[in-house]
Amino acid sequence: MAMGIPEFENLYPKSVFEKNLGKKKSLMLIAEIENSIVGFKAGYEKEQDDSFYSWMGGVLPASRGKGIARKLAAQMEEWAVKEGYDKIKMTTRNKNKAMLLFAISNGFALTAVEERIPIGENRLFLEKVL
């Protein structure tokens, strides 16, 4: 699915997906338009702190600007509340400006920065209270 989403230039191997989504409480959402997959959102329980980790998501460039990412995020938040989570956490990279702006506009707050070289690879940690 990540094929065609430019932000995922280096895909994880299948084993990483199995590790993160296979044996933990997890959620995988798919967005479709006219029976074609145009976006996804995946997350899992990463820590035992009443939080759910929004691991990855994306929308094909041709389908952006239609509110798909917001709908996927809202569905994930609704599910997380029903499952008893108090907050959603996520990580992005400094070079992913669109994701950072999306997260902030969706109520996430920056909680930490892990510096990397080059600066575009800095990890930005965000959290949203549900």
Protein backbone atom coordinates (compact mmCIF):
# COMPACT_ATOMS: atom_id res chain seq x y z
CA MET A 1 0.00 0.00 0.00
CA ALA A 2 2.77 2.44 0.81
CA MET A 3 3.90 2.23 -2.81
CA GLY A 4 2.98 5.49 -4.45
CA ILE A 5 3.17 7.48 -1.21
CA PRO A 6 6.38 9.50 -1.57
CA GLU A 7 6.99 9.83 2.18
CA PHE A 8 7.57 6.07 2.36
CA GLU A 9 10.65 5.85 0.20
CA ASN A 10 12.13 3.06 2.36
CA LEU A 11 9.53 0.47 3.24
CA TYR A 12 9.86 -1.69 6.32
CA PRO A 13 10.32 -5.42 5.75
CA LYS A 14 7.32 -7.67 6.41
CA SER A 15 8.87 -8.80 9.72
CA VAL A 16 8.55 -5.26 11.17
CA PHE A 17 4.84 -5.16 10.31
CA GLU A 18 4.35 -8.59 11.86
CA LYS A 19 6.22 -7.54 15.02
CA ASN A 20 4.34 -4.26 15.47
CA LEU A 21 0.86 -5.29 14.37
CA GLY A 22 0.76 -9.04 14.76
CA LYS A 23 0.79 -9.87 18.45
CA LYS A 24 -0.13 -6.55 20.04
CA LYS A 25 -3.43 -4.74 20.17
CA SER A 26 -3.40 -2.97 16.83
CA LEU A 27 -5.53 -1.23 14.25
CA MET A 28 -5.22 -1.02 10.47
CA LEU A 29 -7.54 1.32 8.57
CA ILE A 30 -7.88 1.50 4.80
CA ALA A 31 -9.48 4.35 2.81
CA GLU A 32 -11.05 3.56 -0.55
CA ILE A 33 -12.54 5.63 -3.33
CA GLU A 34 -14.47 3.73 -6.00
CA ASN A 35 -12.98 0.40 -4.85
CA SER A 36 -9.39 1.68 -5.08
CA ILE A 37 -7.21 1.99 -1.99
CA VAL A 38 -6.12 5.62 -1.63
CA GLY A 39 -4.89 5.76 1.97
CA PHE A 40 -4.20 3.90 5.18
CA LYS A 41 -3.48 4.39 8.88
CA ALA A 42 -1.91 1.84 11.21
CA GLY A 43 -1.19 1.86 14.92
CA TYR A 44 -0.53 -0.39 17.87
CA GLU A 45 -0.13 -0.51 21.62
CA LYS A 46 3.53 0.37 22.06
CA GLU A 47 3.77 1.17 25.76
CA GLN A 48 1.80 0.19 28.84
CA ASP A 49 0.82 3.78 29.65
CA ASP A 50 -2.79 4.06 28.44
CA SER A 51 -1.60 5.40 25.07
CA PHE A 52 -2.01 4.13 21.54
CA TYR A 53 0.79 4.67 19.02
CA SER A 54 -0.18 6.01 15.59
CA TRP A 55 2.62 4.30 13.70
CA MET A 56 2.11 5.24 10.08
CA GLY A 57 -0.36 6.46 7.57
CA GLY A 58 -0.57 8.15 4.25
CA VAL A 59 -2.73 9.16 1.33
CA LEU A 60 -1.83 8.88 -2.33
CA PRO A 61 -0.87 12.32 -3.70
CA ALA A 62 -3.74 12.33 -6.24
CA SER A 63 -6.25 11.87 -3.39
CA ARG A 64 -4.88 14.45 -0.98
CA GLY A 65 -6.90 17.50 0.00
CA LYS A 66 -10.14 15.51 0.31
CA GLY A 67 -10.10 15.06 4.09
CA ILE A 68 -9.09 11.40 3.91
CA ALA A 69 -6.25 11.67 6.44
CA ARG A 70 -8.53 13.53 8.89
CA LYS A 71 -11.21 10.87 8.55
CA LEU A 72 -8.70 8.08 9.14
CA ALA A 73 -7.28 9.92 12.18
CA ALA A 74 -10.78 10.49 13.58
CA GLN A 75 -11.63 6.82 13.16
CA MET A 76 -8.42 5.83 14.95
CA GLU A 77 -9.19 8.22 17.81
CA GLU A 78 -12.77 6.94 18.17
CA TRP A 79 -11.51 3.35 18.24
CA ALA A 80 -8.77 4.22 20.77
CA VAL A 81 -11.29 5.85 23.13
CA LYS A 82 -13.57 2.78 22.91
CA GLU A 83 -10.57 0.59 23.69
CA GLY A 84 -9.77 2.61 26.83
CA TYR A 85 -6.77 4.65 25.68
CA ASP A 86 -6.30 8.16 27.13
CA LYS A 87 -3.94 9.51 24.49
CA ILE A 88 -2.43 8.89 21.08
CA LYS A 89 1.28 9.26 20.48
CA MET A 90 3.13 9.57 17.21
CA THR A 91 6.59 10.26 15.83
CA THR A 92 7.52 12.02 12.63
CA ARG A 93 10.68 13.36 11.09
CA ASN A 94 11.56 17.02 10.78
CA LYS A 95 11.61 16.70 6.97
CA ASN A 96 7.92 15.63 6.95
CA LYS A 97 6.55 19.14 7.32
CA ALA A 98 3.08 18.24 6.01
CA MET A 99 2.71 15.50 8.66
CA LEU A 100 3.91 17.80 11.43
CA LEU A 101 1.46 20.53 10.41
CA PHE A 102 -1.34 17.96 10.12
CA ALA A 103 -0.59 16.62 13.61
CA ILE A 104 -0.48 20.06 15.21
CA SER A 105 -3.69 21.14 13.47
CA ASN A 106 -5.29 17.92 14.71
CA GLY A 107 -4.55 18.67 18.38
CA PHE A 108 -1.16 17.01 18.88
CA ALA A 109 1.52 18.71 20.96
CA LEU A 110 5.27 18.30 20.57
CA THR A 111 6.69 16.48 23.58
CA ALA A 112 10.33 15.78 22.62
CA VAL A 113 12.93 15.99 19.87
CA GLU A 114 15.62 13.42 19.18
CA GLU A 115 18.39 15.10 17.23
CA ARG A 116 19.85 13.41 14.16
CA ILE A 117 22.16 14.34 11.32
CA PRO A 118 21.09 15.74 8.96
CA ILE A 119 18.56 17.93 10.78
CA GLY A 120 15.74 16.75 8.50
CA GLU A 121 16.05 13.32 10.15
CA ASN A 122 15.34 14.70 13.66
CA ARG A 123 12.60 12.62 15.31
CA LEU A 124 9.70 14.69 16.60
CA PHE A 125 7.55 13.06 19.30
CA LEU A 126 3.96 14.21 19.63
CA GLU A 127 0.99 13.38 21.83
CA LYS A 128 -2.74 14.07 21.84
CA VAL A 129 -4.95 13.67 24.89
CA LEU A 130 -8.24 12.02 23.95
